């Protein structure tokens, strides 16, 4: 009684929510990896901003006009160009304008802002980190050398924080060797680390494209197989019918008895052809339970739904398995379209001459007692086989679809 009242209350609350409220679409595994890859490739921006901000902190917070009117706007422009380079790399397009434009911004900022290699000088390796995604390996090596030389040439290690307005190299004062070595290591490691992350993304994208191509190829092969089978069946039968009909037409004027016999054979050939076509179509429409379970599990996992599958050791009879496969397909469709589930359990059982499938998910957002047209049609199909199909909330957070079919009653 309490549970029924609770369910009724939940239904009333759901009616108060407008049906047009947009729901956040669940992203696929590849989309999430793409987003994380894009975020990881922006590591160069962290260094591009961290260095100047650290130098600003060491200067006692004094804001110079050249920093306010050139430094900060230049950093903003460099950030926009850097993000455009990443987007171009992930889209597989070129971005020569962004590459040379960001290089010009870096040189301008290094000439006007001064500082140390570990302040504004970090813009040089940040630039190399971005362009490495668009260049070949040999070109990336040249970009790293150019970034290292530019950073040490325009903002050499020293104690003078004033802007460097001339290009000639100023010898560093004091023991700056370790700082220079560390700067060179960062300039070399950051671009290649980004290239490795980008290579990993390309491998995953190629694997996904390969899976899609394989699926399309499987569909194409199945269509060709069915067309060949249908051609063999219909072509032979129709050829025989055409020949027999032509013979009967010629004999109809001279030998009516033989013409009637030929037409009887034509009728037999037509019936046999119809029988063979129906058998072929019935075999084509047969759904394999094991293949369907593998396919639907892969679809749920790809949608970010953790799927648990339990099957019996004994094989499920073919006719009952085909019917349960339709239940699994319809249940998966409902989970993907009408829920926000994060996990799903599928269990196939054989007990006391009955084959049963049970699908339970934890994200039924809009559960009522009516059910959709898919469940209605599926319920009629299961009932025609002498089985029972039920669908409804198993608890406050779970929804269960269950179908039980007698093994001997399946027709």
Protein backbone atom coordinates (compact mmCIF):
# COMPACT_ATOMS: atom_id res chain seq x y z
CA UNK A 1 0.00 0.00 0.00
CA UNK A 2 2.80 2.36 0.92
CA UNK A 3 4.69 1.57 -2.30
CA UNK A 4 1.64 2.21 -4.45
CA UNK A 5 1.08 5.57 -2.77
CA UNK A 6 4.73 6.44 -3.26
CA UNK A 7 4.62 5.57 -6.96
CA UNK A 8 1.46 7.63 -7.41
CA UNK A 9 3.16 10.57 -5.73
CA UNK A 10 6.19 10.25 -8.00
CA UNK A 11 3.95 10.22 -11.07
CA UNK A 12 2.24 13.42 -9.91
CA UNK A 13 5.60 15.11 -9.41
CA UNK A 14 6.71 14.09 -12.93
CA UNK A 15 3.56 15.65 -14.41
CA UNK A 16 4.62 19.00 -12.94
CA UNK A 17 7.87 18.93 -14.95
CA UNK A 18 7.38 20.36 -18.46
CA UNK A 19 7.82 17.72 -21.14
CA UNK A 20 9.81 20.16 -23.26
CA UNK A 21 12.64 20.46 -20.77
CA UNK A 22 15.74 19.47 -22.75
CA UNK A 23 17.75 16.58 -21.40
CA UNK A 24 21.49 16.46 -21.64
CA UNK A 25 22.36 13.92 -24.28
CA UNK A 26 24.67 11.18 -23.12
CA UNK A 27 28.02 11.45 -24.83
CA UNK A 28 29.69 8.45 -26.36
CA UNK A 29 33.01 7.09 -25.14
CA UNK A 30 34.81 8.61 -28.14
CA UNK A 31 33.25 12.03 -27.51
CA UNK A 32 34.41 11.98 -23.90
CA UNK A 33 37.92 10.98 -24.95
CA UNK A 34 37.93 13.78 -27.52
CA UNK A 35 36.96 16.32 -24.89
CA UNK A 36 39.62 15.11 -22.46
CA UNK A 37 42.22 15.09 -25.25
CA UNK A 38 41.37 18.67 -26.17
CA UNK A 39 41.73 19.74 -22.54
CA UNK A 40 45.07 17.97 -22.16
CA UNK A 41 46.40 19.58 -25.35
CA UNK A 42 45.83 23.03 -23.84
CA UNK A 43 48.68 22.44 -21.36
CA UNK A 44 50.76 24.95 -23.29
CA UNK A 45 48.34 27.72 -22.30
CA UNK A 46 49.02 26.97 -18.64
CA UNK A 47 52.73 27.67 -19.13
CA UNK A 48 51.98 30.68 -21.33
CA UNK A 49 50.02 32.33 -18.49
CA UNK A 50 51.84 30.88 -15.48
CA UNK A 51 55.22 32.36 -16.44
CA UNK A 52 54.09 35.98 -16.89
CA UNK A 53 51.89 35.85 -13.78
CA UNK A 54 54.81 34.47 -11.75
CA UNK A 55 57.02 37.27 -13.05
CA UNK A 56 54.35 39.81 -12.17
CA UNK A 57 54.27 38.45 -8.59
CA UNK A 58 58.04 38.72 -8.27
CA UNK A 59 57.97 42.34 -9.46
CA UNK A 60 56.04 43.37 -6.35
CA UNK A 61 52.73 43.78 -8.18
CA UNK A 62 53.84 46.89 -10.07
CA UNK A 63 51.81 47.30 -13.23
CA UNK A 64 53.79 48.80 -16.08
CA UNK A 65 51.93 50.44 -19.00
CA UNK A 66 53.59 48.09 -21.47
CA UNK A 67 52.24 45.13 -19.50
CA UNK A 68 48.74 46.55 -19.33
CA UNK A 69 48.42 47.64 -22.97
CA UNK A 70 50.63 45.07 -24.72
CA UNK A 71 51.31 42.11 -22.44
CA UNK A 72 47.80 41.10 -21.36
CA UNK A 73 46.11 41.71 -24.76
CA UNK A 74 48.97 39.84 -26.42
CA UNK A 75 48.46 36.87 -24.12
CA UNK A 76 44.76 36.86 -24.91
CA UNK A 77 45.45 36.90 -28.67
CA UNK A 78 48.02 34.11 -28.28
CA UNK A 79 45.50 32.01 -26.34
CA UNK A 80 42.88 32.37 -29.07
CA UNK A 81 45.36 31.41 -31.79
CA UNK A 82 46.60 28.46 -29.70
CA UNK A 83 43.06 27.10 -29.28
CA UNK A 84 42.44 27.51 -33.00
CA UNK A 85 45.58 25.48 -33.72
CA UNK A 86 44.35 22.66 -31.48
CA UNK A 87 40.93 22.63 -33.12
CA UNK A 88 42.53 22.55 -36.57
CA UNK A 89 44.80 19.67 -35.56
CA UNK A 90 41.90 17.61 -34.20
CA UNK A 91 39.85 18.38 -37.29
CA UNK A 92 42.72 17.36 -39.58
CA UNK A 93 43.04 20.77 -41.27
CA UNK A 94 45.95 23.19 -41.63
CA UNK A 95 46.38 26.42 -39.66
CA UNK A 96 49.34 28.24 -41.15
CA UNK A 97 47.90 31.65 -40.37
CA UNK A 98 47.49 30.77 -36.69
CA UNK A 99 51.02 29.30 -36.55
CA UNK A 100 52.78 32.36 -37.96
CA UNK A 101 50.43 34.78 -36.22
CA UNK A 102 51.09 33.24 -32.80
CA UNK A 103 54.84 33.25 -33.53
CA UNK A 104 54.70 36.98 -34.25
CA UNK A 105 52.77 37.60 -31.02
CA UNK A 106 55.37 35.63 -29.02
CA UNK A 107 58.27 37.60 -30.51
CA UNK A 108 56.50 40.89 -29.83
CA UNK A 109 55.81 39.98 -26.22
CA UNK A 110 59.36 38.76 -25.59
CA UNK A 111 60.79 41.99 -27.04
CA UNK A 112 58.55 44.27 -25.01
CA UNK A 113 58.07 42.50 -21.67
CA UNK A 114 61.59 41.36 -20.76
CA UNK A 115 61.92 39.23 -17.64
CA UNK A 116 63.53 35.81 -17.40
CA UNK A 117 63.16 32.62 -19.47
CA UNK A 118 61.00 31.24 -16.67
CA UNK A 119 58.57 34.16 -16.86
CA UNK A 120 57.68 35.58 -20.27
CA UNK A 121 60.22 33.26 -21.84
CA UNK A 122 57.83 30.32 -21.36
CA UNK A 123 55.78 31.68 -24.25
CA UNK A 124 58.36 30.21 -26.63
CA UNK A 125 57.95 26.55 -25.55
CA UNK A 126 54.20 27.12 -25.28
CA UNK A 127 54.17 28.14 -28.95
CA UNK A 128 56.20 25.05 -29.89
CA UNK A 129 53.75 22.88 -27.93
CA UNK A 130 50.87 24.10 -30.09
CA UNK A 131 52.50 24.01 -33.51
CA UNK A 132 53.91 20.52 -32.85
CA UNK A 133 50.38 19.17 -33.41
CA UNK A 134 50.35 20.52 -36.97
CA UNK A 135 53.90 19.69 -38.09
CA UNK A 136 55.82 16.57 -39.02
CA UNK A 137 58.46 15.11 -36.72
CA UNK A 138 61.36 16.81 -38.45
CA UNK A 139 59.51 20.12 -38.52
CA UNK A 140 58.71 19.72 -34.81
CA UNK A 141 62.42 19.37 -34.06
CA UNK A 142 63.08 22.63 -35.92
CA UNK A 143 60.22 24.33 -34.06
CA UNK A 144 61.69 23.22 -30.71
CA UNK A 145 65.13 24.57 -31.69
CA UNK A 146 63.61 27.85 -32.85
CA UNK A 147 61.60 28.22 -29.64
CA UNK A 148 64.63 27.48 -27.45
CA UNK A 149 66.84 29.89 -29.35
CA UNK A 150 64.22 32.64 -29.37
CA UNK A 151 63.51 32.27 -25.65
CA UNK A 152 67.17 32.44 -24.63
CA UNK A 153 68.00 35.15 -27.16
CA UNK A 154 65.25 37.61 -26.34
CA UNK A 155 64.93 37.01 -22.57
CA UNK A 156 68.37 35.75 -21.46
CA UNK A 157 68.93 34.73 -17.83
CA UNK A 158 70.03 37.69 -15.77
CA UNK A 159 69.15 40.05 -13.00
CA UNK A 160 67.80 42.88 -15.15
CA UNK A 161 64.01 42.70 -15.32
CA UNK A 162 63.71 45.55 -17.82
CA UNK A 163 62.31 44.84 -21.25
CA UNK A 164 64.77 43.66 -23.87
CA UNK A 165 64.27 45.90 -26.90
CA UNK A 166 67.27 44.66 -28.92
CA UNK A 167 67.93 41.27 -30.37
CA UNK A 168 71.68 40.78 -29.55
CA UNK A 169 72.34 38.15 -26.89
CA UNK A 170 73.31 39.50 -23.49
CA UNK A 171 75.63 37.12 -21.58
CA UNK A 172 73.94 35.84 -18.42
CA UNK A 173 75.23 37.00 -15.09
CA UNK A 174 75.88 34.51 -12.33
CA UNK A 175 75.51 30.75 -12.48
CA UNK A 176 72.50 30.36 -14.81
CA UNK A 177 73.54 27.03 -16.31
CA UNK A 178 70.96 24.86 -14.49
CA UNK A 179 68.18 27.29 -15.37
CA UNK A 180 69.14 27.23 -19.02
CA UNK A 181 69.29 23.42 -19.07
CA UNK A 182 65.89 23.16 -17.39
CA UNK A 183 64.43 25.68 -19.87
CA UNK A 184 65.78 23.64 -22.79
CA UNK A 185 64.34 20.42 -21.35
CA UNK A 186 60.91 22.01 -20.99
CA UNK A 187 61.11 23.36 -24.54
CA UNK A 188 61.84 19.88 -25.88
CA UNK A 189 59.58 17.77 -23.65
CA UNK A 190 56.36 19.79 -23.81
CA UNK A 191 55.88 19.63 -27.60
CA UNK A 192 56.64 15.93 -27.78
CA UNK A 193 54.37 15.17 -24.83
CA UNK A 194 51.56 16.94 -26.69
CA UNK A 195 52.38 15.03 -29.86
CA UNK A 196 52.16 11.74 -27.96
CA UNK A 197 48.77 12.66 -26.51
CA UNK A 198 47.57 13.70 -29.97
CA UNK A 199 48.87 10.44 -31.47
CA UNK A 200 46.92 8.47 -28.85
CA UNK A 201 43.75 10.34 -29.83
CA UNK A 202 44.38 9.60 -33.52
CA UNK A 203 44.79 5.89 -32.76
CA UNK A 204 41.48 5.79 -30.88
CA UNK A 205 39.71 7.69 -33.65
CA UNK A 206 41.12 5.33 -36.29
CA UNK A 207 39.98 2.34 -34.22
CA UNK A 208 36.47 3.79 -33.95
CA UNK A 209 36.36 4.49 -37.68
CA UNK A 210 37.54 0.93 -38.28
CA UNK A 211 34.73 -0.46 -36.16
CA UNK A 212 32.18 1.64 -38.01
CA UNK A 213 33.59 0.52 -41.37
CA UNK A 214 33.50 -3.09 -40.20
CA UNK A 215 29.85 -2.73 -39.18
CA UNK A 216 28.97 -1.17 -42.54
CA UNK A 217 30.84 -3.95 -44.33
CA UNK A 218 28.98 -6.61 -42.35
CA UNK A 219 25.65 -5.05 -43.30
CA UNK A 220 26.70 -4.84 -46.94
CA UNK A 221 27.85 -8.46 -46.99
CA UNK A 222 24.58 -9.61 -45.44
CA UNK A 223 22.60 -7.69 -48.05
CA UNK A 224 24.69 -9.22 -50.83
CA UNK A 225 24.24 -12.69 -49.35
CA UNK A 226 20.48 -12.29 -49.21
CA UNK A 227 20.34 -10.84 -52.72
CA UNK A 228 22.39 -13.78 -54.06
CA UNK A 229 20.16 -16.30 -52.31
CA UNK A 230 17.03 -14.59 -53.57
CA UNK A 231 18.43 -14.35 -57.09
CA UNK A 232 19.34 -18.03 -57.13
CA UNK A 233 15.91 -19.06 -55.89
CA UNK A 234 13.74 -16.70 -57.92
CA UNK A 235 15.92 -16.73 -61.04
CA UNK A 236 15.89 -20.51 -61.44
CA UNK A 237 12.20 -20.87 -60.61
CA UNK A 238 11.06 -18.02 -62.87
CA UNK A 239 13.20 -19.32 -65.74
CA UNK A 240 11.62 -22.75 -65.43
CA UNK A 241 8.13 -21.21 -65.19
CA UNK A 242 8.76 -19.09 -68.29
CA UNK A 243 9.94 -22.07 -70.32
CA UNK A 244 7.04 -24.29 -69.21
CA UNK A 245 4.50 -21.52 -69.90
CA UNK A 246 5.90 -21.01 -73.41
CA UNK A 247 5.65 -24.74 -74.12
CA UNK A 248 2.08 -24.85 -72.80
CA UNK A 249 1.13 -21.88 -74.99
CA UNK A 250 2.46 -23.64 -78.10
CA UNK A 251 0.76 -26.93 -77.22
CA UNK A 252 -2.58 -25.37 -76.38
CA UNK A 253 -3.62 -25.31 -80.06
CA UNK A 254 -2.49 -28.83 -80.99
CA UNK A 255 -2.51 -30.88 -77.76
CA UNK A 256 -4.67 -29.53 -74.96
CA UNK A 257 -3.86 -32.44 -72.67
CA UNK A 258 -0.10 -31.90 -72.80
CA UNK A 259 -0.65 -28.14 -72.41
CA UNK A 260 -2.68 -28.75 -69.25
CA UNK A 261 0.04 -31.04 -67.91
CA UNK A 262 2.65 -28.37 -68.56
CA UNK A 263 0.53 -25.79 -66.72
CA UNK A 264 0.18 -28.18 -63.78
CA UNK A 265 3.98 -28.30 -63.64
CA UNK A 266 4.07 -24.48 -63.82
CA UNK A 267 1.73 -24.32 -60.85
CA UNK A 268 3.90 -26.75 -58.92
CA UNK A 269 7.03 -24.75 -59.72
CA UNK A 270 5.32 -21.53 -58.57
CA UNK A 271 4.28 -23.09 -55.27
CA UNK A 272 7.77 -24.50 -54.71
CA UNK A 273 9.33 -21.13 -55.48
CA UNK A 274 6.98 -19.40 -53.05
CA UNK A 275 7.85 -21.95 -50.38
CA UNK A 276 11.59 -21.47 -50.93
CA UNK A 277 11.29 -17.68 -50.82
CA UNK A 278 9.36 -17.81 -47.55
CA UNK A 279 11.98 -20.11 -46.07
CA UNK A 280 14.76 -17.78 -47.16
CA UNK A 281 13.01 -14.73 -45.72
CA UNK A 282 12.23 -16.58 -42.48
CA UNK A 283 15.88 -17.53 -42.15
CA UNK A 284 16.94 -13.98 -42.92
CA UNK A 285 14.69 -12.58 -40.20
CA UNK A 286 15.80 -15.08 -37.55
CA UNK A 287 17.51 -13.34 -34.62
CA UNK A 288 20.35 -15.15 -32.88
CA UNK A 289 20.23 -14.69 -29.09
CA UNK A 290 23.99 -14.92 -28.49
CA UNK A 291 24.78 -12.45 -31.28
CA UNK A 292 22.05 -10.11 -30.09
CA UNK A 293 23.36 -10.17 -26.52
CA UNK A 294 26.88 -9.33 -27.70
CA UNK A 295 25.61 -6.55 -29.94
CA UNK A 296 23.30 -4.97 -27.37
CA UNK A 297 25.95 -5.17 -24.63
CA UNK A 298 28.41 -3.38 -26.89
CA UNK A 299 25.82 -0.71 -27.69
CA UNK A 300 25.08 -0.09 -24.00
CA UNK A 301 28.77 0.05 -23.11
CA UNK A 302 29.40 2.49 -25.95
CA UNK A 303 26.66 4.72 -24.56
CA UNK A 304 28.41 4.82 -21.17
CA UNK A 305 26.11 2.30 -19.48
CA UNK A 306 27.94 -0.34 -17.47
CA UNK A 307 26.36 -3.63 -18.52
CA UNK A 308 26.38 -6.93 -16.61
CA UNK A 309 25.45 -10.07 -18.55
CA UNK A 310 24.55 -13.48 -17.10
CA UNK A 311 23.74 -16.46 -19.32
CA UNK A 312 23.05 -20.15 -18.56
CA UNK A 313 25.53 -22.88 -19.32
CA UNK A 314 22.98 -24.78 -21.39
CA UNK A 315 22.18 -23.41 -24.86
CA UNK A 316 18.78 -21.76 -25.23
CA UNK A 317 16.60 -23.49 -27.86
CA UNK A 318 16.59 -21.65 -31.16
CA UNK A 319 12.92 -20.62 -31.29
CA UNK A 320 12.79 -19.46 -27.67
CA UNK A 321 16.18 -17.75 -28.08
CA UNK A 322 14.92 -15.79 -31.09
CA UNK A 323 11.96 -14.51 -29.09
CA UNK A 324 14.13 -13.55 -26.12
CA UNK A 325 16.49 -11.78 -28.53
CA UNK A 326 13.63 -9.53 -29.63
CA UNK A 327 12.95 -8.74 -25.96
CA UNK A 328 16.60 -7.81 -25.40
CA UNK A 329 16.59 -5.58 -28.48
CA UNK A 330 13.43 -3.75 -27.43
CA UNK A 331 14.66 -3.42 -23.85
CA UNK A 332 17.97 -1.93 -25.02
CA UNK A 333 16.12 0.55 -27.20
CA UNK A 334 14.01 1.67 -24.24
CA UNK A 335 17.08 2.04 -22.01
CA UNK A 336 18.82 4.23 -24.58
CA UNK A 337 15.81 6.36 -25.51
CA UNK A 338 13.71 6.61 -22.38
CA UNK A 339 16.13 6.52 -19.45
CA UNK A 340 19.25 8.09 -17.99
CA UNK A 341 20.67 4.79 -16.80
CA UNK A 342 24.30 4.31 -15.84
CA UNK A 343 24.12 0.54 -15.35
CA UNK A 344 22.06 -2.33 -16.69
CA UNK A 345 21.79 -6.02 -15.80
CA UNK A 346 20.75 -8.67 -18.33
CA UNK A 347 20.07 -12.20 -17.10
CA UNK A 348 19.03 -15.23 -19.17
CA UNK A 349 17.74 -18.21 -17.21
CA UNK A 350 16.43 -21.71 -17.97
CA UNK A 351 14.25 -23.22 -15.25
CA UNK A 352 11.41 -25.76 -15.19
CA UNK A 353 10.90 -25.78 -18.94
CA UNK A 354 10.84 -21.98 -19.16
CA UNK A 355 13.32 -19.60 -20.76
CA UNK A 356 13.34 -16.11 -19.26
CA UNK A 357 15.18 -12.83 -19.78
CA UNK A 358 15.29 -10.02 -17.24
CA UNK A 359 16.68 -6.53 -17.92
CA UNK A 360 17.06 -4.09 -15.03
CA UNK A 361 18.36 -0.53 -15.30
CA UNK A 362 18.72 2.22 -12.73
CA UNK A 363 17.60 5.23 -14.73
CA UNK A 364 13.88 5.04 -15.47
CA UNK A 365 12.90 8.73 -15.56
CA UNK A 366 9.32 8.53 -16.70
CA UNK A 367 7.68 5.27 -15.66
CA UNK A 368 3.96 4.80 -15.99
CA UNK A 369 1.69 1.85 -16.38
CA UNK A 370 0.88 2.22 -20.07
CA UNK A 371 4.10 1.30 -21.87
CA UNK A 372 5.01 2.24 -25.42
CA UNK A 373 3.95 0.70 -28.70
CA UNK A 374 7.16 -1.34 -28.80
CA UNK A 375 6.37 -3.05 -25.50
CA UNK A 376 2.75 -3.55 -26.51
CA UNK A 377 3.73 -5.32 -29.73
CA UNK A 378 6.38 -7.31 -27.92
CA UNK A 379 3.89 -8.36 -25.25
CA UNK A 380 1.51 -9.63 -27.95
CA UNK A 381 4.31 -11.62 -29.59
CA UNK A 382 5.35 -13.19 -26.28
CA UNK A 383 1.72 -13.96 -25.40
CA UNK A 384 1.25 -15.67 -28.77
CA UNK A 385 4.07 -18.04 -27.79
CA UNK A 386 2.38 -18.80 -24.46
CA UNK A 387 4.70 -16.55 -22.46
CA UNK A 388 4.31 -13.54 -20.20
CA UNK A 389 5.98 -10.13 -20.45
CA UNK A 390 6.04 -7.66 -17.55
CA UNK A 391 7.55 -4.19 -17.30
CA UNK A 392 7.57 -1.85 -14.35
CA UNK A 393 9.57 -0.33 -11.50
CA UNK A 394 11.42 -2.85 -9.36
CA UNK A 395 12.23 -0.18 -6.78
CA UNK A 396 12.33 3.59 -6.44
CA UNK A 397 15.34 3.80 -8.77
CA UNK A 398 15.20 0.64 -10.92
CA UNK A 399 13.04 -0.47 -13.83
CA UNK A 400 12.74 -4.12 -14.85
CA UNK A 401 11.63 -5.71 -18.11
CA UNK A 402 11.02 -9.47 -17.86
CA UNK A 403 9.79 -12.06 -20.33
CA UNK A 404 9.24 -15.77 -19.68
CA UNK A 405 8.52 -18.22 -22.49
CA UNK A 406 7.69 -21.94 -22.16
CA UNK A 407 10.13 -23.97 -24.22
CA UNK A 408 7.47 -26.37 -25.49
CA UNK A 409 4.91 -23.69 -26.20
CA UNK A 410 6.95 -21.64 -28.63
CA UNK A 411 5.54 -21.82 -32.13
